[in-house]
């Protein structure tokens, strides 16, 4: 688990340099991908579904 937190810390540092630090939700999603609880493909699909706006007809 120590390695997982190290990876998340490194990603957070890199994103922070760009002015986009990770949220707690971002860290939780990374944790799930790193530990194999979910695949990165499944997480991308979930995020696309979550943030896709369907226009009214």
N, C-alpha and C. Protein backbone atom coordinates (compact mmCIF):
# COMPACT_ATOMS: atom_id res chain seq x y z
N UNK A 1 0.83 -1.19 0.00
CA UNK A 1 0.00 0.00 0.00
C UNK A 1 0.87 1.25 0.00
N UNK A 2 2.06 1.15 0.55
CA UNK A 2 2.96 2.29 0.59
C UNK A 2 3.31 2.77 -0.82
N UNK A 3 3.53 1.82 -1.73
CA UNK A 3 3.86 2.17 -3.11
C UNK A 3 2.70 2.88 -3.79
N UNK A 4 1.48 2.47 -3.49
CA UNK A 4 0.29 3.09 -4.08
C UNK A 4 0.24 4.56 -3.69
N UNK A 5 0.44 4.84 -2.42
CA UNK A 5 0.39 6.22 -1.95
C UNK A 5 1.54 7.05 -2.52
N UNK A 6 2.68 6.42 -2.73
CA UNK A 6 3.83 7.10 -3.34
C UNK A 6 3.49 7.50 -4.78
N UNK A 7 2.89 6.59 -5.52
CA UNK A 7 2.50 6.87 -6.90
C UNK A 7 1.49 8.01 -6.94
N UNK A 8 0.49 7.94 -6.06
CA UNK A 8 -0.53 9.00 -6.02
C UNK A 8 0.11 10.33 -5.66
N UNK A 9 1.05 10.32 -4.73
CA UNK A 9 1.76 11.55 -4.36
C UNK A 9 2.54 12.13 -5.53
N UNK A 10 3.17 11.27 -6.31
CA UNK A 10 3.93 11.74 -7.47
C UNK A 10 3.01 12.33 -8.53
N UNK A 11 1.89 11.66 -8.78
CA UNK A 11 0.92 12.18 -9.75
C UNK A 11 0.37 13.52 -9.26
N UNK A 12 0.05 13.58 -7.98
CA UNK A 12 -0.48 14.82 -7.40
C UNK A 12 0.53 15.96 -7.53
N UNK A 13 1.80 15.66 -7.29
CA UNK A 13 2.84 16.67 -7.42
C UNK A 13 2.95 17.18 -8.84
N UNK A 14 2.92 16.29 -9.79
CA UNK A 14 3.00 16.67 -11.20
C UNK A 14 1.79 17.50 -11.61
N UNK A 15 0.62 17.05 -11.22
CA UNK A 15 -0.60 17.79 -11.56
C UNK A 15 -0.62 19.14 -10.85
N UNK A 16 -0.13 19.18 -9.62
CA UNK A 16 -0.07 20.43 -8.87
C UNK A 16 0.82 21.47 -9.54
N UNK A 17 1.92 21.03 -10.16
CA UNK A 17 2.80 21.96 -10.87
C UNK A 17 2.08 22.61 -12.04
N UNK A 18 1.07 21.94 -12.56
CA UNK A 18 0.28 22.47 -13.67
C UNK A 18 -0.95 23.23 -13.17
N UNK A 19 -1.05 23.36 -11.85
CA UNK A 19 -2.17 24.09 -11.27
C UNK A 19 -3.45 23.26 -11.16
N UNK A 20 -3.30 21.93 -11.24
CA UNK A 20 -4.46 21.04 -11.17
C UNK A 20 -4.23 19.93 -10.16
N UNK A 21 -4.13 20.27 -8.87
CA UNK A 21 -3.90 19.21 -7.88
C UNK A 21 -5.08 18.24 -7.83
N UNK A 22 -4.79 17.02 -7.43
CA UNK A 22 -5.82 15.99 -7.37
C UNK A 22 -6.80 16.24 -6.22
N UNK A 23 -8.05 15.95 -6.48
CA UNK A 23 -9.06 15.99 -5.43
C UNK A 23 -9.03 14.64 -4.70
N UNK A 24 -9.72 14.56 -3.58
CA UNK A 24 -9.81 13.28 -2.87
C UNK A 24 -10.48 12.23 -3.76
N UNK A 25 -11.47 12.66 -4.55
CA UNK A 25 -12.14 11.72 -5.47
C UNK A 25 -11.16 11.21 -6.53
N UNK A 26 -10.32 12.11 -7.06
CA UNK A 26 -9.30 11.70 -8.04
C UNK A 26 -8.37 10.66 -7.43
N UNK A 27 -7.94 10.91 -6.20
CA UNK A 27 -7.03 9.98 -5.53
C UNK A 27 -7.69 8.63 -5.31
N UNK A 28 -8.96 8.63 -4.95
CA UNK A 28 -9.69 7.37 -4.77
C UNK A 28 -9.78 6.59 -6.08
N UNK A 29 -10.04 7.31 -7.18
CA UNK A 29 -10.11 6.64 -8.49
C UNK A 29 -8.75 6.05 -8.86
N UNK A 30 -7.68 6.80 -8.63
CA UNK A 30 -6.34 6.28 -8.91
C UNK A 30 -6.05 5.04 -8.07
N UNK A 31 -6.40 5.10 -6.79
CA UNK A 31 -6.18 3.98 -5.89
C UNK A 31 -6.87 2.72 -6.44
N UNK A 32 -8.10 2.85 -6.91
CA UNK A 32 -8.84 1.71 -7.44
C UNK A 32 -8.17 1.13 -8.69
N UNK A 33 -7.65 2.02 -9.53
CA UNK A 33 -6.97 1.55 -10.75
C UNK A 33 -5.64 0.89 -10.42
N UNK A 34 -4.88 1.50 -9.52
CA UNK A 34 -3.55 0.98 -9.18
C UNK A 34 -3.65 -0.38 -8.50
N UNK A 35 -4.63 -0.54 -7.62
CA UNK A 35 -4.76 -1.80 -6.88
C UNK A 35 -5.48 -2.89 -7.66
N UNK A 36 -6.02 -2.55 -8.83
CA UNK A 36 -6.69 -3.55 -9.66
C UNK A 36 -8.15 -3.73 -9.33
N UNK A 37 -8.68 -2.89 -8.44
CA UNK A 37 -10.10 -2.99 -8.09
C UNK A 37 -10.98 -2.71 -9.32
N UNK A 38 -10.48 -1.84 -10.20
CA UNK A 38 -11.15 -1.57 -11.47
C UNK A 38 -10.06 -1.32 -12.52
N UNK A 39 -10.41 -1.51 -13.77
CA UNK A 39 -9.42 -1.27 -14.83
C UNK A 39 -9.48 0.19 -15.24
N UNK A 40 -8.41 0.66 -15.81
CA UNK A 40 -8.39 2.06 -16.27
C UNK A 40 -9.41 2.26 -17.39
N UNK A 41 -9.62 1.24 -18.21
CA UNK A 41 -10.63 1.33 -19.28
C UNK A 41 -12.02 1.52 -18.69
N UNK A 42 -12.34 0.75 -17.66
CA UNK A 42 -13.65 0.88 -17.02
C UNK A 42 -13.80 2.26 -16.37
N UNK A 43 -12.73 2.76 -15.77
CA UNK A 43 -12.79 4.07 -15.13
C UNK A 43 -13.00 5.17 -16.17
N UNK A 44 -12.33 5.07 -17.31
CA UNK A 44 -12.51 6.06 -18.38
C UNK A 44 -13.96 6.02 -18.87
N UNK A 45 -14.50 4.83 -19.08
CA UNK A 45 -15.89 4.70 -19.52
C UNK A 45 -16.84 5.34 -18.51
N UNK A 46 -16.58 5.11 -17.22
CA UNK A 46 -17.43 5.69 -16.17
C UNK A 46 -17.37 7.21 -16.19
N UNK A 47 -16.17 7.75 -16.36
CA UNK A 47 -16.01 9.21 -16.39
C UNK A 47 -16.67 9.83 -17.62
N UNK A 48 -16.55 9.17 -18.75
CA UNK A 48 -17.19 9.68 -19.97
C UNK A 48 -18.70 9.70 -19.78
N UNK A 49 -19.25 8.63 -19.23
CA UNK A 49 -20.68 8.57 -18.98
C UNK A 49 -21.11 9.66 -17.98
N UNK A 50 -20.31 9.85 -16.95
CA UNK A 50 -20.64 10.83 -15.91
C UNK A 50 -20.64 12.26 -16.45
N UNK A 51 -19.72 12.57 -17.34
CA UNK A 51 -19.57 13.96 -17.79
C UNK A 51 -20.11 14.25 -19.19
N UNK A 52 -20.74 13.25 -19.82
CA UNK A 52 -21.34 13.48 -21.13
C UNK A 52 -22.68 14.17 -20.96
N UNK A 53 -22.86 15.25 -21.70
CA UNK A 53 -24.12 16.01 -21.65
C UNK A 53 -24.92 15.63 -22.88
N UNK A 54 -26.14 15.16 -22.65
CA UNK A 54 -27.03 14.82 -23.74
C UNK A 54 -27.95 16.02 -23.97
N UNK A 55 -27.91 16.60 -25.17
CA UNK A 55 -28.74 17.78 -25.42
C UNK A 55 -30.23 17.43 -25.43
N UNK A 56 -31.02 18.38 -24.98
CA UNK A 56 -32.48 18.22 -25.03
C UNK A 56 -32.94 18.27 -26.49
N UNK A 57 -34.00 17.54 -26.78
CA UNK A 57 -34.51 17.55 -28.15
C UNK A 57 -35.74 18.36 -28.25
